[in-house]
């Protein structure tokens, strides 16, 4: 079992910004239930083979926004659901990045990463094999 995170390379994020965005992506699957005041109890396989193991992660790179969005299409083809199985991470553009889009409140946002919940290696491999490791 491992968690796949894919970050955009074209944004040329500083090491600190990249680390923060990847951290957001790593935590998204756990923070959603907390934000909605739901008790989060991971499925037994995730608890046993990820929480009680080594928190295995693979961080890959997407060349640009379009390539990152291809990961969404691939995930959906595998039956994975946004905001349940994978999470799009959008930076609030308060420091390093310029907005690519604006939300309903006029807040600028830039899509930086996609983070998946811990997945069986077989499914994680089907996603990560399409992307190279981040370097």
Protein backbone atom coordinates (compact mmCIF):
# COMPACT_ATOMS: atom_id res chain seq x y z
CA UNK A 1 0.00 0.00 0.00
CA UNK A 2 1.32 3.46 -0.83
CA UNK A 3 0.27 7.02 -1.40
CA UNK A 4 0.90 8.67 -4.76
CA UNK A 5 1.38 12.43 -5.01
CA UNK A 6 1.93 14.18 -8.32
CA UNK A 7 3.29 17.75 -8.34
CA UNK A 8 3.62 20.17 -11.23
CA UNK A 9 7.15 20.80 -12.44
CA UNK A 10 6.36 23.82 -14.66
CA UNK A 11 5.60 26.06 -11.67
CA UNK A 12 9.28 26.00 -10.62
CA UNK A 13 8.25 26.03 -6.97
CA UNK A 14 10.99 26.70 -4.44
CA UNK A 15 11.95 23.66 -2.35
CA UNK A 16 9.96 25.04 0.59
CA UNK A 17 6.85 25.73 -1.49
CA UNK A 18 7.08 22.27 -3.09
CA UNK A 19 7.45 20.62 0.32
CA UNK A 20 4.40 22.49 1.63
CA UNK A 21 2.26 21.56 -1.39
CA UNK A 22 3.27 17.89 -1.20
CA UNK A 23 2.52 17.95 2.54
CA UNK A 24 -0.95 19.35 1.79
CA UNK A 25 -1.47 16.55 -0.75
CA UNK A 26 -0.30 13.91 1.72
CA UNK A 27 -2.69 15.10 4.43
CA UNK A 28 -5.76 15.86 2.30
CA UNK A 29 -7.39 12.44 2.66
CA UNK A 30 -7.25 12.73 6.46
CA UNK A 31 -8.10 16.41 6.80
CA UNK A 32 -11.36 16.29 4.83
CA UNK A 33 -13.24 14.27 7.49
CA UNK A 34 -11.83 16.51 10.21
CA UNK A 35 -13.01 19.67 8.40
CA UNK A 36 -16.51 18.21 8.10
CA UNK A 37 -16.55 17.13 11.77
CA UNK A 38 -16.68 13.46 10.94
CA UNK A 39 -14.71 10.88 12.86
CA UNK A 40 -12.10 9.37 10.58
CA UNK A 41 -11.37 5.72 11.04
CA UNK A 42 -9.34 4.40 8.13
CA UNK A 43 -10.34 1.14 6.51
CA UNK A 44 -8.64 -1.85 8.20
CA UNK A 45 -6.27 -2.45 5.26
CA UNK A 46 -5.14 1.20 5.22
CA UNK A 47 -4.64 1.14 8.99
CA UNK A 48 -2.70 -2.13 9.00
CA UNK A 49 -0.65 -1.70 5.83
CA UNK A 50 -0.03 2.04 5.85
CA UNK A 51 -0.61 3.72 9.24
CA UNK A 52 1.05 0.87 11.16
CA UNK A 53 3.75 0.39 8.57
CA UNK A 54 6.08 2.91 6.89
CA UNK A 55 3.74 5.50 5.30
CA UNK A 56 5.10 4.67 1.84
CA UNK A 57 4.76 7.53 -0.63
CA UNK A 58 5.74 8.05 -4.24
CA UNK A 59 6.13 11.65 -5.41
CA UNK A 60 5.97 12.04 -9.18
CA UNK A 61 6.12 15.04 -11.46
CA UNK A 62 3.71 16.35 -14.04
CA UNK A 63 5.20 18.55 -16.74
CA UNK A 64 2.30 21.00 -16.56
CA UNK A 65 -1.33 21.51 -15.56
CA UNK A 66 -2.67 19.49 -18.49
CA UNK A 67 -0.52 16.48 -17.64
CA UNK A 68 -1.61 16.73 -14.00
CA UNK A 69 -5.24 16.75 -15.10
CA UNK A 70 -4.59 13.56 -17.08
CA UNK A 71 -3.99 11.92 -13.68
CA UNK A 72 -7.56 12.92 -12.77
CA UNK A 73 -8.90 11.25 -15.91
CA UNK A 74 -6.85 8.14 -15.21
CA UNK A 75 -8.04 8.03 -11.60
CA UNK A 76 -11.67 8.36 -12.63
CA UNK A 77 -11.21 5.58 -15.21
CA UNK A 78 -9.96 3.40 -12.33
CA UNK A 79 -13.14 4.19 -10.39
CA UNK A 80 -11.50 6.62 -7.97
CA UNK A 81 -13.50 9.65 -6.80
CA UNK A 82 -12.39 13.23 -6.27
CA UNK A 83 -12.45 14.35 -2.63
CA UNK A 84 -12.69 10.73 -1.51
CA UNK A 85 -9.82 8.87 -3.20
CA UNK A 86 -7.86 11.79 -4.62
CA UNK A 87 -7.61 15.48 -3.89
CA UNK A 88 -6.65 18.45 -6.05
CA UNK A 89 -4.38 20.82 -4.17
CA UNK A 90 -4.72 24.48 -5.09
CA UNK A 91 -2.38 27.08 -3.64
CA UNK A 92 -3.95 30.30 -2.37
CA UNK A 93 -1.23 32.36 -4.14
CA UNK A 94 -0.35 34.41 -1.08
CA UNK A 95 3.42 34.08 -1.58
CA UNK A 96 5.28 32.53 -4.53
CA UNK A 97 2.70 31.65 -7.17
CA UNK A 98 0.49 33.70 -9.46
CA UNK A 99 -3.21 32.76 -9.72
CA UNK A 100 -4.34 30.65 -12.69
CA UNK A 101 -8.00 30.88 -11.70
CA UNK A 102 -10.24 32.60 -9.18
CA UNK A 103 -12.80 30.99 -6.88
CA UNK A 104 -16.33 32.24 -6.18
CA UNK A 105 -14.94 34.65 -3.55
CA UNK A 106 -12.38 36.17 -5.91
CA UNK A 107 -9.49 34.32 -4.27
CA UNK A 108 -6.75 33.44 -6.74
CA UNK A 109 -5.73 29.79 -6.91
CA UNK A 110 -3.16 27.68 -8.74
CA UNK A 111 -3.41 23.92 -9.09
CA UNK A 112 -0.13 22.48 -7.75
CA UNK A 113 -0.63 18.79 -6.90
CA UNK A 114 -2.90 15.82 -6.80
CA UNK A 115 -2.74 13.62 -3.73
CA UNK A 116 -4.20 10.15 -3.51
CA UNK A 117 -5.30 8.33 -0.40
CA UNK A 118 -3.16 5.27 0.35
CA UNK A 119 -3.89 2.74 -2.40
CA UNK A 120 -3.07 -0.91 -3.00
CA UNK A 121 0.24 -1.09 -4.85
CA UNK A 122 -1.43 -2.48 -7.96
CA UNK A 123 -3.70 0.57 -8.31
CA UNK A 124 -0.98 3.01 -7.25
CA UNK A 125 1.31 1.56 -9.91
CA UNK A 126 -1.33 2.04 -12.63
CA UNK A 127 -1.24 5.76 -11.80
CA UNK A 128 2.43 6.37 -11.03
CA UNK A 129 3.80 4.45 -14.03
CA UNK A 130 2.50 7.25 -16.27
CA UNK A 131 4.69 9.83 -14.48
CA UNK A 132 8.37 9.94 -13.62
CA UNK A 133 9.64 10.42 -10.09
CA UNK A 134 9.97 14.07 -9.10
CA UNK A 135 13.50 15.30 -9.51
